[in-house]
N, C-alpha and C. Protein backbone atom coordinates (compact mmCIF):
# COMPACT_ATOMS: atom_id res chain seq x y z
N MET A 1 75.66 69.60 108.44
CA MET A 1 76.61 70.29 107.62
C MET A 1 76.14 71.74 107.43
N ALA A 2 77.07 72.66 107.55
CA ALA A 2 76.75 74.07 107.39
C ALA A 2 76.50 74.39 105.91
N ARG A 3 75.68 75.36 105.68
CA ARG A 3 75.34 75.75 104.31
C ARG A 3 76.50 76.51 103.68
N THR A 4 76.75 76.27 102.42
CA THR A 4 77.79 76.97 101.68
C THR A 4 77.17 78.18 101.01
N TYR A 5 77.82 79.31 101.19
CA TYR A 5 77.37 80.54 100.54
C TYR A 5 78.35 80.88 99.43
N PHE A 6 77.82 81.34 98.32
CA PHE A 6 78.63 81.64 97.16
C PHE A 6 78.81 83.14 96.99
N SER A 7 79.98 83.50 96.49
CA SER A 7 80.20 84.88 96.07
C SER A 7 79.79 84.99 94.60
N VAL A 8 79.69 86.20 94.13
CA VAL A 8 79.35 86.43 92.71
C VAL A 8 80.42 85.78 91.83
N ASP A 9 81.71 85.97 92.19
CA ASP A 9 82.79 85.40 91.39
C ASP A 9 82.72 83.88 91.34
N GLU A 10 82.38 83.26 92.45
CA GLU A 10 82.29 81.79 92.48
C GLU A 10 81.20 81.28 91.56
N VAL A 11 80.05 81.93 91.57
CA VAL A 11 78.96 81.49 90.69
C VAL A 11 79.33 81.78 89.24
N GLU A 12 79.94 82.92 88.98
CA GLU A 12 80.33 83.23 87.60
C GLU A 12 81.32 82.21 87.05
N ALA A 13 82.16 81.67 87.92
CA ALA A 13 83.11 80.63 87.49
C ALA A 13 82.37 79.35 87.08
N LEU A 14 81.16 79.17 87.57
CA LEU A 14 80.36 77.97 87.25
C LEU A 14 79.53 78.13 85.97
N ILE A 15 79.41 79.33 85.46
CA ILE A 15 78.53 79.58 84.31
C ILE A 15 78.88 78.71 83.10
N PRO A 16 80.15 78.55 82.72
CA PRO A 16 80.42 77.67 81.57
C PRO A 16 79.90 76.24 81.79
N ALA A 17 80.07 75.70 82.98
CA ALA A 17 79.56 74.36 83.27
C ALA A 17 78.04 74.34 83.24
N LEU A 18 77.41 75.37 83.78
CA LEU A 18 75.95 75.45 83.76
C LEU A 18 75.42 75.50 82.33
N GLU A 19 76.10 76.27 81.48
CA GLU A 19 75.68 76.37 80.08
C GLU A 19 75.77 75.01 79.39
N ARG A 20 76.85 74.27 79.64
CA ARG A 20 77.00 72.94 79.04
C ARG A 20 75.90 72.00 79.52
N ILE A 21 75.62 72.05 80.81
CA ILE A 21 74.57 71.20 81.37
C ILE A 21 73.22 71.54 80.75
N PHE A 22 72.92 72.83 80.61
CA PHE A 22 71.62 73.21 80.08
C PHE A 22 71.47 72.92 78.59
N VAL A 23 72.56 72.82 77.86
CA VAL A 23 72.45 72.35 76.47
C VAL A 23 71.86 70.94 76.49
N ASP A 24 72.40 70.09 77.38
CA ASP A 24 71.88 68.72 77.50
C ASP A 24 70.45 68.72 78.03
N VAL A 25 70.17 69.55 79.03
CA VAL A 25 68.83 69.60 79.62
C VAL A 25 67.79 69.96 78.55
N LEU A 26 68.07 70.96 77.76
CA LEU A 26 67.11 71.39 76.75
C LEU A 26 66.90 70.31 75.68
N GLN A 27 67.98 69.62 75.32
CA GLN A 27 67.84 68.52 74.35
C GLN A 27 67.03 67.37 74.94
N LEU A 28 67.30 67.03 76.20
CA LEU A 28 66.56 65.95 76.84
C LEU A 28 65.08 66.30 76.97
N ARG A 29 64.79 67.54 77.35
CA ARG A 29 63.38 67.95 77.49
C ARG A 29 62.67 67.91 76.14
N ALA A 30 63.36 68.32 75.09
CA ALA A 30 62.76 68.27 73.76
C ALA A 30 62.49 66.82 73.36
N GLY A 31 63.42 65.94 73.65
CA GLY A 31 63.23 64.52 73.36
C GLY A 31 62.08 63.93 74.15
N LEU A 32 61.98 64.30 75.42
CA LEU A 32 60.88 63.81 76.26
C LEU A 32 59.53 64.31 75.73
N ARG A 33 59.47 65.57 75.35
CA ARG A 33 58.23 66.13 74.80
C ARG A 33 57.81 65.40 73.53
N ALA A 34 58.76 65.24 72.61
CA ALA A 34 58.44 64.60 71.33
C ALA A 34 58.02 63.15 71.53
N LEU A 35 58.74 62.44 72.36
CA LEU A 35 58.41 61.04 72.60
C LEU A 35 57.10 60.91 73.38
N GLY A 36 56.88 61.82 74.32
CA GLY A 36 55.63 61.83 75.07
C GLY A 36 54.44 62.04 74.16
N GLN A 37 54.57 62.95 73.18
CA GLN A 37 53.49 63.19 72.22
C GLN A 37 53.26 61.97 71.35
N LYS A 38 54.34 61.31 70.94
CA LYS A 38 54.23 60.10 70.13
C LYS A 38 53.50 59.00 70.90
N LEU A 39 53.87 58.82 72.16
CA LEU A 39 53.20 57.82 72.99
C LEU A 39 51.74 58.19 73.23
N ASP A 40 51.50 59.47 73.44
CA ASP A 40 50.12 59.92 73.65
C ASP A 40 49.25 59.62 72.43
N ARG A 41 49.79 59.87 71.24
CA ARG A 41 49.05 59.57 70.01
C ARG A 41 48.77 58.07 69.87
N ALA A 42 49.65 57.26 70.47
CA ALA A 42 49.46 55.80 70.43
C ALA A 42 48.53 55.34 71.54
N GLY A 43 48.02 56.30 72.33
CA GLY A 43 47.11 55.96 73.41
C GLY A 43 47.81 55.45 74.66
N VAL A 44 49.08 55.77 74.79
CA VAL A 44 49.87 55.32 75.94
C VAL A 44 50.26 56.53 76.78
N ASN A 45 50.02 56.42 78.08
CA ASN A 45 50.44 57.47 78.99
C ASN A 45 51.91 57.27 79.30
N PRO A 46 52.76 58.20 78.88
CA PRO A 46 54.20 58.02 79.11
C PRO A 46 54.56 58.27 80.58
N SER A 47 54.12 57.37 81.42
CA SER A 47 54.33 57.52 82.86
C SER A 47 55.81 57.45 83.20
N ARG A 48 56.21 58.31 84.10
CA ARG A 48 57.58 58.29 84.58
C ARG A 48 57.72 57.40 85.81
N ASP A 49 56.61 56.80 86.19
CA ASP A 49 56.59 55.94 87.37
C ASP A 49 57.03 54.54 86.97
N ARG A 50 58.14 54.08 87.53
CA ARG A 50 58.67 52.76 87.19
C ARG A 50 57.67 51.65 87.53
N GLU A 51 56.88 51.86 88.55
CA GLU A 51 55.91 50.83 88.95
C GLU A 51 54.83 50.66 87.88
N ALA A 52 54.57 51.69 87.10
CA ALA A 52 53.53 51.62 86.08
C ALA A 52 54.02 50.95 84.80
N GLU A 53 55.33 50.70 84.74
CA GLU A 53 55.91 50.10 83.55
C GLU A 53 55.39 48.67 83.39
N SER A 54 55.08 48.30 82.16
CA SER A 54 54.59 46.95 81.92
C SER A 54 55.11 46.47 80.58
N ASP A 55 54.88 45.19 80.32
CA ASP A 55 55.29 44.60 79.06
C ASP A 55 54.18 44.67 78.02
N SER A 56 53.12 45.41 78.32
CA SER A 56 52.02 45.49 77.36
C SER A 56 52.37 46.46 76.24
N GLY A 57 51.69 46.27 75.14
CA GLY A 57 51.89 47.13 73.99
C GLY A 57 52.78 46.47 72.96
N SER A 58 52.82 47.08 71.80
CA SER A 58 53.64 46.56 70.71
C SER A 58 55.12 46.75 71.04
N PRO A 59 55.98 46.05 70.33
CA PRO A 59 57.43 46.25 70.56
C PRO A 59 57.84 47.72 70.39
N ALA A 60 57.25 48.42 69.43
CA ALA A 60 57.59 49.83 69.22
C ALA A 60 57.18 50.67 70.42
N VAL A 61 56.02 50.39 71.00
CA VAL A 61 55.54 51.13 72.17
C VAL A 61 56.43 50.83 73.38
N ARG A 62 56.77 49.56 73.57
CA ARG A 62 57.65 49.20 74.69
C ARG A 62 59.01 49.88 74.56
N GLN A 63 59.51 49.92 73.33
CA GLN A 63 60.79 50.56 73.11
C GLN A 63 60.70 52.07 73.38
N ALA A 64 59.63 52.69 72.90
CA ALA A 64 59.45 54.13 73.12
C ALA A 64 59.34 54.43 74.61
N LYS A 65 58.62 53.57 75.36
CA LYS A 65 58.51 53.78 76.81
C LYS A 65 59.88 53.64 77.48
N ALA A 66 60.69 52.69 77.02
CA ALA A 66 62.02 52.50 77.60
C ALA A 66 62.92 53.70 77.29
N VAL A 67 62.83 54.21 76.07
CA VAL A 67 63.62 55.38 75.70
C VAL A 67 63.17 56.59 76.52
N PHE A 68 61.86 56.75 76.67
CA PHE A 68 61.32 57.84 77.47
C PHE A 68 61.89 57.79 78.89
N GLN A 69 61.87 56.61 79.48
CA GLN A 69 62.38 56.46 80.84
C GLN A 69 63.88 56.76 80.89
N GLY A 70 64.61 56.33 79.88
CA GLY A 70 66.05 56.63 79.84
C GLY A 70 66.32 58.12 79.74
N LEU A 71 65.54 58.81 78.91
CA LEU A 71 65.69 60.27 78.80
C LEU A 71 65.36 60.96 80.12
N ASP A 72 64.31 60.47 80.78
CA ASP A 72 63.91 61.06 82.05
C ASP A 72 65.01 60.87 83.10
N GLU A 73 65.61 59.70 83.13
CA GLU A 73 66.70 59.45 84.07
C GLU A 73 67.90 60.33 83.76
N ALA A 74 68.21 60.49 82.47
CA ALA A 74 69.31 61.36 82.08
C ALA A 74 69.04 62.81 82.49
N LEU A 75 67.79 63.25 82.34
CA LEU A 75 67.42 64.60 82.76
C LEU A 75 67.62 64.76 84.27
N ASN A 76 67.19 63.78 85.03
CA ASN A 76 67.38 63.84 86.48
C ASN A 76 68.86 63.88 86.84
N ASP A 77 69.69 63.16 86.08
CA ASP A 77 71.14 63.19 86.32
C ASP A 77 71.69 64.60 86.09
N GLU A 78 71.22 65.27 85.05
CA GLU A 78 71.69 66.64 84.77
C GLU A 78 71.27 67.60 85.88
N ILE A 79 70.05 67.43 86.38
CA ILE A 79 69.59 68.27 87.50
C ILE A 79 70.46 68.02 88.72
N GLU A 80 70.81 66.76 88.96
CA GLU A 80 71.69 66.43 90.08
C GLU A 80 73.07 67.06 89.92
N ARG A 81 73.56 67.16 88.68
CA ARG A 81 74.85 67.81 88.44
C ARG A 81 74.79 69.28 88.88
N ILE A 82 73.68 69.94 88.58
CA ILE A 82 73.53 71.34 88.99
C ILE A 82 73.49 71.44 90.51
N CYS A 83 72.76 70.54 91.14
CA CYS A 83 72.69 70.52 92.61
C CYS A 83 74.07 70.27 93.21
N ALA A 84 74.85 69.40 92.59
CA ALA A 84 76.19 69.10 93.09
C ALA A 84 77.10 70.32 93.01
N LEU A 85 76.82 71.20 92.06
CA LEU A 85 77.59 72.45 91.97
C LEU A 85 77.19 73.45 93.05
N GLY A 86 76.05 73.20 93.70
CA GLY A 86 75.55 74.09 94.73
C GLY A 86 74.33 74.90 94.33
N GLY A 87 73.85 74.68 93.12
CA GLY A 87 72.70 75.43 92.62
C GLY A 87 71.39 74.73 92.89
N GLU A 88 70.34 75.53 92.87
CA GLU A 88 68.98 75.01 93.01
C GLU A 88 68.21 75.39 91.74
N VAL A 89 67.80 74.39 90.99
CA VAL A 89 67.08 74.64 89.74
C VAL A 89 65.70 75.17 90.08
N LYS A 90 65.36 76.32 89.50
CA LYS A 90 64.06 76.93 89.73
C LYS A 90 63.12 76.75 88.54
N ASP A 91 63.68 76.74 87.32
CA ASP A 91 62.86 76.59 86.12
C ASP A 91 63.73 75.98 85.02
N LEU A 92 63.40 74.77 84.62
CA LEU A 92 64.16 74.10 83.57
C LEU A 92 63.93 74.71 82.20
N GLU A 93 62.71 75.17 81.93
CA GLU A 93 62.39 75.70 80.61
C GLU A 93 63.23 76.93 80.26
N VAL A 94 63.41 77.82 81.22
CA VAL A 94 64.18 79.04 80.95
C VAL A 94 65.61 78.95 81.45
N GLY A 95 65.95 77.87 82.14
CA GLY A 95 67.31 77.71 82.65
C GLY A 95 67.59 78.63 83.81
N LEU A 96 66.76 78.55 84.84
CA LEU A 96 66.88 79.43 85.99
C LEU A 96 67.43 78.66 87.18
N VAL A 97 68.54 79.17 87.74
CA VAL A 97 69.21 78.51 88.86
C VAL A 97 69.57 79.56 89.91
N ASP A 98 69.33 79.23 91.18
CA ASP A 98 69.69 80.11 92.29
C ASP A 98 70.84 79.50 93.09
N PHE A 99 71.68 80.37 93.66
CA PHE A 99 72.79 79.96 94.51
C PHE A 99 72.73 80.76 95.80
N PRO A 100 72.86 80.11 96.95
CA PRO A 100 72.80 80.83 98.23
C PRO A 100 73.99 81.76 98.41
N SER A 101 73.70 82.92 98.98
CA SER A 101 74.72 83.92 99.25
C SER A 101 74.25 84.75 100.45
N THR A 102 75.00 85.79 100.75
CA THR A 102 74.58 86.70 101.82
C THR A 102 74.73 88.15 101.35
N ARG A 103 73.92 88.99 101.96
CA ARG A 103 73.96 90.43 101.71
C ARG A 103 73.69 91.11 103.05
N ASP A 104 74.66 91.84 103.55
CA ASP A 104 74.54 92.49 104.86
C ASP A 104 74.12 91.50 105.94
N GLY A 105 74.68 90.29 105.89
CA GLY A 105 74.39 89.29 106.91
C GLY A 105 73.09 88.52 106.71
N GLU A 106 72.31 88.90 105.73
CA GLU A 106 71.05 88.21 105.44
C GLU A 106 71.26 87.21 104.32
N GLU A 107 70.62 86.06 104.44
CA GLU A 107 70.71 85.07 103.37
C GLU A 107 69.88 85.53 102.18
N ILE A 108 70.50 85.41 101.00
CA ILE A 108 69.83 85.76 99.74
C ILE A 108 70.13 84.66 98.72
N LEU A 109 69.62 84.83 97.53
CA LEU A 109 69.92 83.91 96.44
C LEU A 109 70.44 84.70 95.24
N LEU A 110 71.61 84.29 94.76
CA LEU A 110 72.13 84.85 93.53
C LEU A 110 71.41 84.12 92.39
N CYS A 111 70.94 84.88 91.44
CA CYS A 111 70.05 84.35 90.41
C CYS A 111 70.74 84.35 89.05
N TRP A 112 70.80 83.18 88.42
CA TRP A 112 71.36 83.06 87.08
C TRP A 112 70.32 82.50 86.14
N LYS A 113 70.27 83.06 84.94
CA LYS A 113 69.35 82.59 83.91
C LYS A 113 70.17 82.25 82.67
N LEU A 114 69.85 81.11 82.06
CA LEU A 114 70.54 80.68 80.86
C LEU A 114 70.62 81.83 79.86
N GLY A 115 71.82 82.05 79.34
CA GLY A 115 72.05 83.15 78.40
C GLY A 115 72.77 84.32 79.05
N GLU A 116 72.68 84.43 80.37
CA GLU A 116 73.39 85.50 81.07
C GLU A 116 74.85 85.08 81.24
N LYS A 117 75.75 85.96 80.90
CA LYS A 117 77.19 85.66 80.96
C LYS A 117 77.82 86.03 82.29
N SER A 118 77.04 86.65 83.15
CA SER A 118 77.52 87.02 84.47
C SER A 118 76.34 87.01 85.44
N ILE A 119 76.67 87.11 86.72
CA ILE A 119 75.62 87.19 87.74
C ILE A 119 75.30 88.67 87.94
N GLY A 120 74.12 89.04 87.54
CA GLY A 120 73.73 90.44 87.63
C GLY A 120 72.60 90.70 88.61
N TYR A 121 72.01 89.61 89.16
CA TYR A 121 70.82 89.79 89.99
C TYR A 121 70.80 88.87 91.20
N TRP A 122 70.04 89.29 92.19
CA TRP A 122 69.81 88.51 93.40
C TRP A 122 68.36 88.73 93.80
N HIS A 123 67.89 87.88 94.70
CA HIS A 123 66.57 88.10 95.30
C HIS A 123 66.55 87.49 96.69
N ALA A 124 65.58 87.91 97.47
CA ALA A 124 65.42 87.37 98.83
C ALA A 124 65.07 85.89 98.73
N VAL A 125 65.36 85.15 99.80
CA VAL A 125 65.09 83.72 99.82
C VAL A 125 63.61 83.44 99.57
N ASP A 126 62.74 84.28 100.11
CA ASP A 126 61.31 84.07 99.92
C ASP A 126 60.77 84.80 98.69
N GLY A 127 61.66 85.39 97.92
CA GLY A 127 61.26 86.06 96.68
C GLY A 127 61.43 85.11 95.52
N GLY A 128 61.40 85.62 94.35
CA GLY A 128 61.56 84.79 93.16
C GLY A 128 62.06 85.63 92.01
N PHE A 129 61.98 85.08 90.83
CA PHE A 129 62.49 85.73 89.64
C PHE A 129 61.92 87.14 89.47
N ALA A 130 60.65 87.31 89.74
CA ALA A 130 60.00 88.62 89.56
C ALA A 130 60.54 89.67 90.52
N SER A 131 61.17 89.21 91.62
CA SER A 131 61.69 90.18 92.60
C SER A 131 63.20 90.36 92.49
N ARG A 132 63.77 89.96 91.36
CA ARG A 132 65.22 90.11 91.18
C ARG A 132 65.63 91.56 91.26
N ARG A 133 66.77 91.78 91.90
CA ARG A 133 67.35 93.12 92.01
C ARG A 133 68.79 93.08 91.53
N PRO A 134 69.30 94.18 91.02
CA PRO A 134 70.69 94.19 90.54
C PRO A 134 71.69 93.95 91.68
N ILE A 135 72.79 93.28 91.35
CA ILE A 135 73.88 93.07 92.30
C ILE A 135 74.39 94.44 92.72
N ASP A 136 74.67 94.59 94.01
CA ASP A 136 75.21 95.85 94.51
C ASP A 136 76.45 95.59 95.36
N ALA A 137 77.04 96.64 95.88
CA ALA A 137 78.29 96.53 96.64
C ALA A 137 78.14 95.77 97.95
N GLN A 138 76.92 95.56 98.41
CA GLN A 138 76.70 94.86 99.67
C GLN A 138 76.75 93.33 99.49
N ILE A 139 76.92 92.88 98.25
CA ILE A 139 77.03 91.46 97.96
C ILE A 139 78.47 91.19 97.57
N SER A 140 79.09 90.26 98.25
CA SER A 140 80.50 89.97 98.02
C SER A 140 80.73 89.34 96.66
N SER A 141 81.78 89.83 96.00
CA SER A 141 82.19 89.18 94.76
C SER A 141 83.36 88.25 95.04
N ALA A 142 83.96 88.38 96.22
CA ALA A 142 85.09 87.51 96.59
C ALA A 142 84.57 86.27 97.31
N PRO A 143 85.33 85.18 97.24
CA PRO A 143 84.92 83.95 97.94
C PRO A 143 84.67 84.19 99.42
N SER A 144 83.58 83.60 99.94
CA SER A 144 83.24 83.81 101.35
C SER A 144 82.51 82.59 101.90
N ARG A 145 83.06 81.40 101.65
CA ARG A 145 82.39 80.18 102.10
C ARG A 145 82.38 80.08 103.61
N LEU A 146 81.24 79.75 104.13
CA LEU A 146 81.06 79.57 105.58
C LEU A 146 80.74 78.10 105.82
N ASP A 147 81.74 77.30 106.14
CA ASP A 147 81.49 75.86 106.32
C ASP A 147 81.40 75.50 107.78
């Protein structure tokens, strides 16, 4: 399957959905952190590995481990939702997502960060957040999918 390239307008149309997803992501991560700390204080490693799951521990510990696993699965579902939109999650903590695009025939990544209301930056595929550059006229704002 050919890669889909996004225009600035196409990614900007996704921003409301991305914001809704990241509200859930941030809540899930906070829940995982809090529950992980609680399990750690109980001397339990909150492993995300299903194979490590056991029936050992008190009912409260078993329940906390089950809730932890449920939160982790929900978080993975939210990440999959972003991928289904065409984005690649780069940093969950800050809400950083890249979308493939082109600039003068070269593949680039349009860069969105939670809180930004528009797409204002891009970077080279081998670059990252630190190498973000402002959107310029050489990047299409109109749809330009290449399927």
